[in-house]
Amino acid sequence: MLVDIRGRLQQEISQGQSADEVVQSNTAVEGYAQSNANTERSLRAACEGYR
């Protein structure tokens, strides 16, 4: 699961998407987690880590 999410996140970042776009699209965690404040914070932190 986490490997899939990481791969999706890295792909979105490599396509030039900003953290806001990644959070808004919610495709990185689709099928694994609901969109909420915790998911948003985690995605934003991961985006900064992969940049």
C-alpha atoms as a PDB file:
ATOM      1  CA  MET A   1       0.000   0.000   0.000  1.00  0.00           C
ATOM      2  CA  LEU A   2       2.600   2.576   1.041  1.00  0.00           C
ATOM      3  CA  VAL A   3       4.802   1.640  -1.897  1.00  0.00           C
ATOM      4  CA  ASP A   4       1.868   2.229  -4.254  1.00  0.00           C
ATOM      5  CA  ILE A   5       1.076   5.591  -2.671  1.00  0.00           C
ATOM      6  CA  ARG A   6       4.732   6.634  -2.824  1.00  0.00           C
ATOM      7  CA  GLY A   7       4.935   5.660  -6.497  1.00  0.00           C
ATOM      8  CA  ARG A   8       1.797   7.600  -7.358  1.00  0.00           C
ATOM      9  CA  LEU A   9       3.020  10.603  -5.415  1.00  0.00           C
ATOM     10  CA  GLN A  10       6.437  10.573  -7.076  1.00  0.00           C
ATOM     11  CA  GLN A  11       4.807  10.282 -10.489  1.00  0.00           C
ATOM     12  CA  GLU A  12       2.564  13.278  -9.850  1.00  0.00           C
ATOM     13  CA  ILE A  13       5.511  15.334  -8.610  1.00  0.00           C
ATOM     14  CA  SER A  14       7.627  14.350 -11.627  1.00  0.00           C
ATOM     15  CA  GLN A  15       4.788  15.589 -13.844  1.00  0.00           C
ATOM     16  CA  GLY A  16       5.213  19.002 -12.224  1.00  0.00           C
ATOM     17  CA  GLN A  17       2.188  19.024  -9.956  1.00  0.00           C
ATOM     18  CA  SER A  18       2.365  21.230  -6.885  1.00  0.00           C
ATOM     19  CA  ALA A  19       1.495  20.006  -3.392  1.00  0.00           C
ATOM     20  CA  ASP A  20      -1.872  21.769  -3.705  1.00  0.00           C
ATOM     21  CA  GLU A  21      -2.618  19.941  -6.948  1.00  0.00           C
ATOM     22  CA  VAL A  22      -1.618  16.577  -5.477  1.00  0.00           C
ATOM     23  CA  VAL A  23      -3.848  17.116  -2.444  1.00  0.00           C
ATOM     24  CA  GLN A  24      -6.744  18.343  -4.552  1.00  0.00           C
ATOM     25  CA  SER A  25      -6.591  15.443  -7.015  1.00  0.00           C
ATOM     26  CA  ASN A  26      -6.341  12.858  -4.200  1.00  0.00           C
ATOM     27  CA  THR A  27      -5.213  10.232  -6.741  1.00  0.00           C
ATOM     28  CA  ALA A  28      -2.127   9.280  -4.722  1.00  0.00           C
ATOM     29  CA  VAL A  29      -4.238   7.729  -1.966  1.00  0.00           C
ATOM     30  CA  GLU A  30      -7.264   6.729  -4.053  1.00  0.00           C
ATOM     31  CA  GLY A  31      -8.533   3.366  -2.892  1.00  0.00           C
ATOM     32  CA  TYR A  32      -6.487   3.469   0.319  1.00  0.00           C
ATOM     33  CA  ALA A  33      -7.538   6.476   2.390  1.00  0.00           C
ATOM     34  CA  GLN A  34     -10.361   8.957   2.631  1.00  0.00           C
ATOM     35  CA  SER A  35      -9.649  12.582   1.952  1.00  0.00           C
ATOM     36  CA  ASN A  36      -9.503  14.439   5.269  1.00  0.00           C
ATOM     37  CA  ALA A  37      -7.234  16.821   7.181  1.00  0.00           C
ATOM     38  CA  ASN A  38      -4.821  14.042   8.211  1.00  0.00           C
ATOM     39  CA  THR A  39      -4.470  12.781   4.655  1.00  0.00           C
ATOM     40  CA  GLU A  40      -3.901  16.318   3.419  1.00  0.00           C
ATOM     41  CA  ARG A  41      -1.143  16.971   5.977  1.00  0.00           C
ATOM     42  CA  SER A  42       0.546  13.670   5.183  1.00  0.00           C
ATOM     43  CA  LEU A  43       0.469  14.292   1.430  1.00  0.00           C
ATOM     44  CA  ARG A  44       1.849  17.814   1.838  1.00  0.00           C
ATOM     45  CA  ALA A  45       4.689  16.548   4.046  1.00  0.00           C
ATOM     46  CA  ALA A  46       5.486  13.761   1.598  1.00  0.00           C
ATOM     47  CA  CYS A  47       5.482  16.198  -1.335  1.00  0.00           C
ATOM     48  CA  GLU A  48       8.034  18.375   0.422  1.00  0.00           C
ATOM     49  CA  GLY A  49      10.129  15.306   1.202  1.00  0.00           C
ATOM     50  CA  TYR A  50      10.224  14.175  -2.430  1.00  0.00           C
ATOM     51  CA  ARG A  51      11.034  17.569  -3.936  1.00  0.00           C
END
